[in-house]
PDB file of N, CA and C in Angstrom:
ATOM      1  N   MET A   1     198.119  -5.175 -42.644  1.00  0.00           N
ATOM      2  CA  MET A   1     197.154  -4.261 -43.209  1.00  0.00           C
ATOM      3  C   MET A   1     197.626  -3.795 -44.586  1.00  0.00           C
ATOM      4  N   ALA A   2     196.711  -3.818 -45.537  1.00  0.00           N
ATOM      5  CA  ALA A   2     197.069  -3.439 -46.891  1.00  0.00           C
ATOM      6  C   ALA A   2     197.280  -1.907 -46.987  1.00  0.00           C
ATOM      7  N   GLU A   3     198.289  -1.558 -47.783  1.00  0.00           N
ATOM      8  CA  GLU A   3     198.530  -0.139 -47.986  1.00  0.00           C
ATOM      9  C   GLU A   3     197.674   0.389 -49.116  1.00  0.00           C
ATOM     10  N   HIS A   4     197.258   1.640 -48.974  1.00  0.00           N
ATOM     11  CA  HIS A   4     196.498   2.301 -50.001  1.00  0.00           C
ATOM     12  C   HIS A   4     197.432   3.131 -50.832  1.00  0.00           C
ATOM     13  N   PRO A   5     197.039   3.440 -52.109  1.00  0.00           N
ATOM     14  CA  PRO A   5     197.822   4.362 -52.908  1.00  0.00           C
ATOM     15  C   PRO A   5     197.836   5.737 -52.185  1.00  0.00           C
ATOM     16  N   PRO A   6     198.763   6.630 -52.563  1.00  0.00           N
ATOM     17  CA  PRO A   6     198.847   7.915 -51.885  1.00  0.00           C
ATOM     18  C   PRO A   6     197.649   8.808 -52.135  1.00  0.00           C
ATOM     19  N   VAL A   7     196.923   8.562 -53.277  1.00  0.00           N
ATOM     20  CA  VAL A   7     195.803   9.430 -53.618  1.00  0.00           C
ATOM     21  C   VAL A   7     194.494   8.614 -53.544  1.00  0.00           C
ATOM     22  N   ILE A   8     193.531   9.168 -52.810  1.00  0.00           N
ATOM     23  CA  ILE A   8     192.194   8.553 -52.706  1.00  0.00           C
ATOM     24  C   ILE A   8     191.202   9.548 -53.268  1.00  0.00           C
ATOM     25  N   VAL A   9     190.394   9.123 -54.267  1.00  0.00           N
ATOM     26  CA  VAL A   9     189.307   9.907 -54.747  1.00  0.00           C
ATOM     27  C   VAL A   9     188.041   9.249 -54.164  1.00  0.00           C
ATOM     28  N   HIS A  10     187.386   9.963 -53.268  1.00  0.00           N
ATOM     29  CA  HIS A  10     186.301   9.409 -52.500  1.00  0.00           C
ATOM     30  C   HIS A  10     184.987   9.428 -53.312  1.00  0.00           C
ATOM     31  N   PRO A  11     183.963   8.681 -52.867  1.00  0.00           N
ATOM     32  CA  PRO A  11     182.734   8.624 -53.638  1.00  0.00           C
ATOM     33  C   PRO A  11     182.096   9.950 -53.901  1.00  0.00           C
ATOM     34  N   PRO A  12     181.361  10.090 -54.980  1.00  0.00           N
ATOM     35  CA  PRO A  12     180.702  11.379 -55.293  1.00  0.00           C
ATOM     36  C   PRO A  12     179.717  11.749 -54.203  1.00  0.00           C
ATOM     37  N   SER A  13     179.614  13.043 -53.932  1.00  0.00           N
ATOM     38  CA  SER A  13     178.621  13.533 -52.988  1.00  0.00           C
ATOM     39  C   SER A  13     177.318  13.679 -53.721  1.00  0.00           C
ATOM     40  N   SER A  14     176.217  13.736 -52.971  1.00  0.00           N
ATOM     41  CA  SER A  14     174.900  13.892 -53.613  1.00  0.00           C
ATOM     42  C   SER A  14     174.769  15.207 -54.386  1.00  0.00           C
ATOM     43  N   SER A  15     175.556  16.187 -54.004  1.00  0.00           N
ATOM     44  CA  SER A  15     175.522  17.487 -54.671  1.00  0.00           C
ATOM     45  C   SER A  15     176.545  17.614 -55.793  1.00  0.00           C
ATOM     46  N   GLY A  16     177.330  16.569 -56.006  1.00  0.00           N
ATOM     47  CA  GLY A  16     178.331  16.556 -57.053  1.00  0.00           C
ATOM     48  C   GLY A  16     179.710  16.785 -56.467  1.00  0.00           C
ATOM     49  N   GLY A  17     180.700  16.350 -57.219  1.00  0.00           N
ATOM     50  CA  GLY A  17     182.087  16.469 -56.772  1.00  0.00           C
ATOM     51  C   GLY A  17     182.520  15.312 -55.888  1.00  0.00           C
ATOM     52  N   ARG A  18     183.838  15.151 -55.846  1.00  0.00           N
ATOM     53  CA  ARG A  18     184.418  14.083 -55.050  1.00  0.00           C
ATOM     54  C   ARG A  18     185.605  14.618 -54.255  1.00  0.00           C
ATOM     55  N   ARG A  19     185.631  14.307 -52.970  1.00  0.00           N
ATOM     56  CA  ARG A  19     186.746  14.702 -52.110  1.00  0.00           C
ATOM     57  C   ARG A  19     187.995  13.951 -52.537  1.00  0.00           C
ATOM     58  N   VAL A  20     189.104  14.634 -52.514  1.00  0.00           N
ATOM     59  CA  VAL A  20     190.388  14.042 -52.925  1.00  0.00           C
ATOM     60  C   VAL A  20     191.328  14.208 -51.737  1.00  0.00           C
ATOM     61  N   THR A  21     191.965  13.061 -51.349  1.00  0.00           N
ATOM     62  CA  THR A  21     192.967  13.153 -50.310  1.00  0.00           C
ATOM     63  C   THR A  21     194.333  12.642 -50.908  1.00  0.00           C
ATOM     64  N   VAL A  22     195.386  13.261 -50.425  1.00  0.00           N
ATOM     65  CA  VAL A  22     196.764  12.863 -50.790  1.00  0.00           C
ATOM     66  C   VAL A  22     197.501  12.627 -49.509  1.00  0.00           C
ATOM     67  N   HIS A  23     198.004  11.400 -49.318  1.00  0.00           N
ATOM     68  CA  HIS A  23     198.688  11.007 -48.101  1.00  0.00           C
ATOM     69  C   HIS A  23     197.833  11.327 -46.841  1.00  0.00           C
ATOM     70  N   GLY A  24     196.506  11.093 -46.970  1.00  0.00           N
ATOM     71  CA  GLY A  24     195.606  11.266 -45.844  1.00  0.00           C
ATOM     72  C   GLY A  24     195.154  12.676 -45.602  1.00  0.00           C
ATOM     73  N   GLN A  25     195.609  13.652 -46.346  1.00  0.00           N
ATOM     74  CA  GLN A  25     195.213  15.063 -46.196  1.00  0.00           C
ATOM     75  C   GLN A  25     194.245  15.450 -47.275  1.00  0.00           C
ATOM     76  N   ILE A  26     193.139  16.077 -46.940  1.00  0.00           N
ATOM     77  CA  ILE A  26     192.186  16.558 -47.948  1.00  0.00           C
ATOM     78  C   ILE A  26     192.856  17.680 -48.719  1.00  0.00           C
ATOM     79  N   VAL A  27     192.835  17.530 -50.054  1.00  0.00           N
ATOM     80  CA  VAL A  27     193.449  18.579 -50.886  1.00  0.00           C
ATOM     81  C   VAL A  27     192.386  19.363 -51.696  1.00  0.00           C
ATOM     82  N   GLY A  28     191.157  18.839 -51.733  1.00  0.00           N
ATOM     83  CA  GLY A  28     190.097  19.586 -52.427  1.00  0.00           C
ATOM     84  C   GLY A  28     188.936  18.759 -52.819  1.00  0.00           C
ATOM     85  N   LEU A  29     188.019  19.414 -53.530  1.00  0.00           N
ATOM     86  CA  LEU A  29     186.817  18.793 -54.079  1.00  0.00           C
ATOM     87  C   LEU A  29     186.898  18.847 -55.577  1.00  0.00           C
ATOM     88  N   ALA A  30     186.967  17.692 -56.187  1.00  0.00           N
ATOM     89  CA  ALA A  30     187.115  17.628 -57.632  1.00  0.00           C
ATOM     90  C   ALA A  30     185.737  17.456 -58.298  1.00  0.00           C
ATOM     91  N   HIS A  31     185.580  18.143 -59.454  1.00  0.00           N
ATOM     92  CA  HIS A  31     184.393  17.982 -60.254  1.00  0.00           C
ATOM     93  C   HIS A  31     184.647  17.376 -61.581  1.00  0.00           C
ATOM     94  N   GLY A  32     185.842  16.886 -61.760  1.00  0.00           N
ATOM     95  CA  GLY A  32     186.258  16.257 -63.036  1.00  0.00           C
ATOM     96  C   GLY A  32     187.674  15.757 -62.933  1.00  0.00           C
ATOM     97  N   ARG A  33     188.085  14.939 -63.906  1.00  0.00           N
ATOM     98  CA  ARG A  33     189.446  14.361 -63.903  1.00  0.00           C
ATOM     99  C   ARG A  33     190.494  15.460 -63.903  1.00  0.00           C
ATOM    100  N   GLY A  34     190.263  16.545 -64.618  1.00  0.00           N
ATOM    101  CA  GLY A  34     191.214  17.645 -64.638  1.00  0.00           C
ATOM    102  C   GLY A  34     191.513  18.200 -63.285  1.00  0.00           C
ATOM    103  N   ASP A  35     190.509  18.280 -62.427  1.00  0.00           N
ATOM    104  CA  ASP A  35     190.713  18.777 -61.052  1.00  0.00           C
ATOM    105  C   ASP A  35     191.605  17.806 -60.302  1.00  0.00           C
ATOM    106  N   VAL A  36     191.365  16.490 -60.436  1.00  0.00           N
ATOM    107  CA  VAL A  36     192.155  15.520 -59.737  1.00  0.00           C
ATOM    108  C   VAL A  36     193.625  15.614 -60.170  1.00  0.00           C
ATOM    109  N   ALA A  37     193.844  15.731 -61.483  1.00  0.00           N
ATOM    110  CA  ALA A  37     195.205  15.850 -61.988  1.00  0.00           C
ATOM    111  C   ALA A  37     195.865  17.092 -61.456  1.00  0.00           C
ATOM    112  N   GLU A  38     195.162  18.205 -61.405  1.00  0.00           N
ATOM    113  CA  GLU A  38     195.748  19.428 -60.920  1.00  0.00           C
ATOM    114  C   GLU A  38     196.060  19.355 -59.450  1.00  0.00           C
ATOM    115  N   PHE A  39     195.239  18.683 -58.617  1.00  0.00           N
ATOM    116  CA  PHE A  39     195.536  18.506 -57.219  1.00  0.00           C
ATOM    117  C   PHE A  39     196.827  17.684 -57.043  1.00  0.00           C
ATOM    118  N   LEU A  40     196.989  16.648 -57.883  1.00  0.00           N
ATOM    119  CA  LEU A  40     198.187  15.839 -57.823  1.00  0.00           C
ATOM    120  C   LEU A  40     199.429  16.599 -58.223  1.00  0.00           C
ATOM    121  N   ARG A  41     199.292  17.446 -59.257  1.00  0.00           N
ATOM    122  CA  ARG A  41     200.429  18.301 -59.663  1.00  0.00           C
ATOM    123  C   ARG A  41     200.791  19.276 -58.547  1.00  0.00           C
ATOM    124  N   HIS A  42     199.762  19.859 -57.945  1.00  0.00           N
ATOM    125  CA  HIS A  42     200.011  20.836 -56.839  1.00  0.00           C
ATOM    126  C   HIS A  42     200.677  20.109 -55.639  1.00  0.00           C
ATOM    127  N   ALA A  43     200.334  18.843 -55.454  1.00  0.00           N
ATOM    128  CA  ALA A  43     200.956  18.080 -54.351  1.00  0.00           C
ATOM    129  C   ALA A  43     202.372  17.572 -54.662  1.00  0.00           C
ATOM    130  N   GLY A  44     202.816  17.862 -55.908  1.00  0.00           N
ATOM    131  CA  GLY A  44     204.192  17.465 -56.262  1.00  0.00           C
ATOM    132  C   GLY A  44     204.337  16.028 -56.742  1.00  0.00           C
ATOM    133  N   LEU A  45     203.216  15.412 -57.142  1.00  0.00           N
ATOM    134  CA  LEU A  45     203.276  14.003 -57.599  1.00  0.00           C
ATOM    135  C   LEU A  45     203.569  13.892 -59.114  1.00  0.00           C
ATOM    136  N   ALA A  46     203.575  15.038 -59.801  1.00  0.00           N
ATOM    137  CA  ALA A  46     203.966  15.088 -61.229  1.00  0.00           C
ATOM    138  C   ALA A  46     204.233  16.526 -61.576  1.00  0.00           C
ATOM    139  N   PRO A  47     205.218  16.791 -62.474  1.00  0.00           N
ATOM    140  CA  PRO A  47     205.509  18.152 -62.776  1.00  0.00           C
ATOM    141  C   PRO A  47     204.457  18.868 -63.627  1.00  0.00           C
ATOM    142  N   ASP A  48     203.645  18.068 -64.366  1.00  0.00           N
ATOM    143  CA  ASP A  48     202.624  18.612 -65.257  1.00  0.00           C
ATOM    144  C   ASP A  48     201.345  17.793 -65.122  1.00  0.00           C
ATOM    145  N   ALA A  49     200.230  18.437 -65.047  1.00  0.00           N
ATOM    146  CA  ALA A  49     198.934  17.708 -64.862  1.00  0.00           C
ATOM    147  C   ALA A  49     198.683  16.718 -65.995  1.00  0.00           C
ATOM    148  N   GLU A  50     199.134  17.044 -67.214  1.00  0.00           N
ATOM    149  CA  GLU A  50     198.913  16.177 -68.365  1.00  0.00           C
ATOM    150  C   GLU A  50     199.738  14.875 -68.278  1.00  0.00           C
ATOM    151  N   ASP A  51     200.773  14.850 -67.448  1.00  0.00           N
ATOM    152  CA  ASP A  51     201.647  13.677 -67.320  1.00  0.00           C
ATOM    153  C   ASP A  51     201.160  12.684 -66.274  1.00  0.00           C
ATOM    154  N   ILE A  52     200.072  12.958 -65.605  1.00  0.00           N
ATOM    155  CA  ILE A  52     199.599  12.101 -64.515  1.00  0.00           C
ATOM    156  C   ILE A  52     198.698  11.025 -65.091  1.00  0.00           C
ATOM    157  N   ASP A  53     198.996   9.760 -64.714  1.00  0.00           N
ATOM    158  CA  ASP A  53     198.177   8.630 -65.163  1.00  0.00           C
ATOM    159  C   ASP A  53     197.167   8.320 -64.085  1.00  0.00           C
ATOM    160  N   LEU A  54     195.914   8.767 -64.255  1.00  0.00           N
ATOM    161  CA  LEU A  54     194.889   8.580 -63.281  1.00  0.00           C
ATOM    162  C   LEU A  54     194.423   7.143 -63.175  1.00  0.00           C
ATOM    163  N   ASP A  55     194.868   6.315 -64.077  1.00  0.00           N
ATOM    164  CA  ASP A  55     194.531   4.876 -64.026  1.00  0.00           C
ATOM    165  C   ASP A  55     195.574   4.046 -63.306  1.00  0.00           C
ATOM    166  N   ALA A  56     196.653   4.652 -62.867  1.00  0.00           N
ATOM    167  CA  ALA A  56     197.721   3.900 -62.204  1.00  0.00           C
ATOM    168  C   ALA A  56     197.242   3.449 -60.810  1.00  0.00           C
ATOM    169  N   PRO A  57     197.040   2.135 -60.592  1.00  0.00           N
ATOM    170  CA  PRO A  57     196.491   1.677 -59.327  1.00  0.00           C
ATOM    171  C   PRO A  57     197.463   1.927 -58.129  1.00  0.00           C
ATOM    172  N   GLY A  58     198.712   2.074 -58.382  1.00  0.00           N
ATOM    173  CA  GLY A  58     199.646   2.370 -57.321  1.00  0.00           C
ATOM    174  C   GLY A  58     199.677   3.844 -56.904  1.00  0.00           C
ATOM    175  N   LEU A  59     198.973   4.662 -57.670  1.00  0.00           N
ATOM    176  CA  LEU A  59     198.943   6.116 -57.444  1.00  0.00           C
ATOM    177  C   LEU A  59     197.586   6.575 -56.949  1.00  0.00           C
ATOM    178  N   VAL A  60     196.492   6.092 -57.629  1.00  0.00           N
ATOM    179  CA  VAL A  60     195.180   6.596 -57.315  1.00  0.00           C
ATOM    180  C   VAL A  60     194.214   5.445 -57.011  1.00  0.00           C
ATOM    181  N   GLU A  61     193.436   5.591 -55.955  1.00  0.00           N
ATOM    182  CA  GLU A  61     192.375   4.649 -55.629  1.00  0.00           C
ATOM    183  C   GLU A  61     191.044   5.390 -55.792  1.00  0.00           C
ATOM    184  N   TRP A  62     190.221   4.855 -56.685  1.00  0.00           N
ATOM    185  CA  TRP A  62     188.894   5.451 -56.968  1.00  0.00           C
ATOM    186  C   TRP A  62     187.853   4.695 -56.127  1.00  0.00           C
ATOM    187  N   ARG A  63     187.163   5.395 -55.249  1.00  0.00           N
ATOM    188  CA  ARG A  63     186.134   4.777 -54.402  1.00  0.00           C
ATOM    189  C   ARG A  63     184.762   5.249 -54.850  1.00  0.00           C
ATOM    190  N   GLY A  64     183.829   4.331 -54.945  1.00  0.00           N
ATOM    191  CA  GLY A  64     182.461   4.696 -55.269  1.00  0.00           C
ATOM    192  C   GLY A  64     182.260   5.056 -56.743  1.00  0.00           C
ATOM    193  N   GLY A  65     183.132   4.587 -57.565  1.00  0.00           N
ATOM    194  CA  GLY A  65     183.066   4.846 -59.007  1.00  0.00           C
ATOM    195  C   GLY A  65     184.397   5.078 -59.594  1.00  0.00           C
ATOM    196  N   ASP A  66     184.459   5.035 -60.928  1.00  0.00           N
ATOM    197  CA  ASP A  66     185.750   5.246 -61.609  1.00  0.00           C
ATOM    198  C   ASP A  66     185.950   6.722 -61.938  1.00  0.00           C
ATOM    199  N   LYS A  67     186.964   6.980 -62.768  1.00  0.00           N
ATOM    200  CA  LYS A  67     187.288   8.379 -63.076  1.00  0.00           C
ATOM    201  C   LYS A  67     186.237   9.085 -63.885  1.00  0.00           C
ATOM    202  N   ASP A  68     185.222   8.392 -64.350  1.00  0.00           N
ATOM    203  CA  ASP A  68     184.147   9.015 -65.092  1.00  0.00           C
ATOM    204  C   ASP A  68     182.882   9.170 -64.287  1.00  0.00           C
ATOM    205  N   THR A  69     182.903   8.872 -62.994  1.00  0.00           N
ATOM    206  CA  THR A  69     181.755   8.971 -62.109  1.00  0.00           C
ATOM    207  C   THR A  69     181.878  10.204 -61.230  1.00  0.00           C
ATOM    208  N   TRP A  70     180.971  11.160 -61.418  1.00  0.00           N
ATOM    209  CA  TRP A  70     181.102  12.432 -60.677  1.00  0.00           C
ATOM    210  C   TRP A  70     179.892  12.864 -59.928  1.00  0.00           C
ATOM    211  N   VAL A  71     178.715  12.348 -60.211  1.00  0.00           N
ATOM    212  CA  VAL A  71     177.517  12.801 -59.508  1.00  0.00           C
ATOM    213  C   VAL A  71     176.772  11.599 -58.948  1.00  0.00           C
ATOM    214  N   GLY A  72     176.680  11.491 -57.633  1.00  0.00           N
ATOM    215  CA  GLY A  72     175.863  10.503 -56.966  1.00  0.00           C
ATOM    216  C   GLY A  72     175.835   9.134 -57.557  1.00  0.00           C
ATOM    217  N   GLY A  73     176.957   8.604 -58.059  1.00  0.00           N
ATOM    218  CA  GLY A  73     177.038   7.262 -58.559  1.00  0.00           C
ATOM    219  C   GLY A  73     176.631   7.066 -59.987  1.00  0.00           C
ATOM    220  N   THR A  74     176.367   8.138 -60.762  1.00  0.00           N
ATOM    221  CA  THR A  74     176.076   7.974 -62.172  1.00  0.00           C
ATOM    222  C   THR A  74     177.311   8.301 -63.004  1.00  0.00           C
ATOM    223  N   GLY A  75     177.592   7.440 -63.968  1.00  0.00           N
ATOM    224  CA  GLY A  75     178.780   7.588 -64.768  1.00  0.00           C
ATOM    225  C   GLY A  75     178.650   8.701 -65.794  1.00  0.00           C
ATOM    226  N   GLY A  76     179.810   9.315 -66.071  1.00  0.00           N
ATOM    227  CA  GLY A  76     179.899  10.264 -67.163  1.00  0.00           C
ATOM    228  C   GLY A  76     179.436  11.664 -66.855  1.00  0.00           C
ATOM    229  N   ALA A  77     178.764  11.913 -65.813  1.00  0.00           N
ATOM    230  CA  ALA A  77     178.289  13.273 -65.524  1.00  0.00           C
ATOM    231  C   ALA A  77     179.364  14.108 -64.886  1.00  0.00           C
ATOM    232  N   GLY A  78     179.234  15.396 -65.083  1.00  0.00           N
ATOM    233  CA  GLY A  78     180.114  16.321 -64.354  1.00  0.00           C
ATOM    234  C   GLY A  78     181.338  16.765 -65.073  1.00  0.00           C
ATOM    235  N   GLY A  79     181.423  16.656 -66.398  1.00  0.00           N
ATOM    236  CA  GLY A  79     182.557  17.186 -67.106  1.00  0.00           C
ATOM    237  C   GLY A  79     183.823  16.537 -66.733  1.00  0.00           C
ATOM    238  N   GLY A  80     184.063  15.340 -67.244  1.00  0.00           N
ATOM    239  CA  GLY A  80     185.194  14.527 -66.771  1.00  0.00           C
ATOM    240  C   GLY A  80     186.536  14.856 -67.310  1.00  0.00           C
ATOM    241  N   GLY A  81     186.732  15.780 -68.228  1.00  0.00           N
ATOM    242  CA  GLY A  81     188.069  15.900 -68.763  1.00  0.00           C
ATOM    243  C   GLY A  81     188.602  17.312 -68.764  1.00  0.00           C
ATOM    244  N   GLY A  82     189.567  17.490 -69.588  1.00  0.00           N
ATOM    245  CA  GLY A  82     190.140  18.825 -69.783  1.00  0.00           C
ATOM    246  C   GLY A  82     190.947  19.263 -68.558  1.00  0.00           C
ATOM    247  N   LYS A  83     191.014  20.581 -68.452  1.00  0.00           N
ATOM    248  CA  LYS A  83     191.795  21.170 -67.342  1.00  0.00           C
ATOM    249  C   LYS A  83     191.062  21.214 -66.013  1.00  0.00           C
ATOM    250  N   GLY A  84     189.832  20.786 -66.000  1.00  0.00           N
ATOM    251  CA  GLY A  84     189.079  20.830 -64.765  1.00  0.00           C
ATOM    252  C   GLY A  84     188.449  22.191 -64.575  1.00  0.00           C
ATOM    253  N   GLY A  85     188.414  22.630 -63.368  1.00  0.00           N
ATOM    254  CA  GLY A  85     187.766  23.870 -63.070  1.00  0.00           C
ATOM    255  C   GLY A  85     186.682  23.613 -62.023  1.00  0.00           C
ATOM    256  N   GLY A  86     186.523  24.521 -61.143  1.00  0.00           N
ATOM    257  CA  GLY A  86     185.524  24.319 -60.118  1.00  0.00           C
ATOM    258  C   GLY A  86     186.010  23.593 -58.874  1.00  0.00           C
ATOM    259  N   GLY A  87     187.235  23.065 -58.924  1.00  0.00           N
ATOM    260  CA  GLY A  87     187.736  22.384 -57.760  1.00  0.00           C
ATOM    261  C   GLY A  87     188.094  23.361 -56.651  1.00  0.00           C
ATOM    262  N   VAL A  88     188.054  22.909 -55.435  1.00  0.00           N
ATOM    263  CA  VAL A  88     188.358  23.765 -54.321  1.00  0.00           C
ATOM    264  C   VAL A  88     189.594  23.223 -53.659  1.00  0.00           C
ATOM    265  N   VAL A  89     190.671  24.015 -53.636  1.00  0.00           N
ATOM    266  CA  VAL A  89     191.910  23.568 -53.015  1.00  0.00           C
ATOM    267  C   VAL A  89     191.975  24.080 -51.628  1.00  0.00           C
ATOM    268  N   SER A  90     192.254  23.173 -50.695  1.00  0.00           N
ATOM    269  CA  SER A  90     192.370  23.645 -49.298  1.00  0.00           C
ATOM    270  C   SER A  90     193.821  23.754 -48.918  1.00  0.00           C
ATOM    271  N   GLY A  91     194.086  24.560 -47.909  1.00  0.00           N
ATOM    272  CA  GLY A  91     195.418  24.665 -47.423  1.00  0.00           C
ATOM    273  C   GLY A  91     196.079  25.811 -47.877  1.00  0.00           C
TER     274      GLY A  91
END
């Protein structure tokens, strides 16, 4: 069985945002790349959110679209950069 990267960004929901899991645990709902980076920083995968390479295939698997897809399968929507904001951290 093929191993998945530790971080999975799931397909966008119809209402916007993408569920993010780290090592199989839901860490929150991201509404942009900044949210994903912050979840990874919070999970201890990088000391600083700006140092995280969201294109690293060994770290992040993007399902249902790339890092610029945030609303129901359309690219570029949903404020893809910066520090994020609007993400919900669980736990």
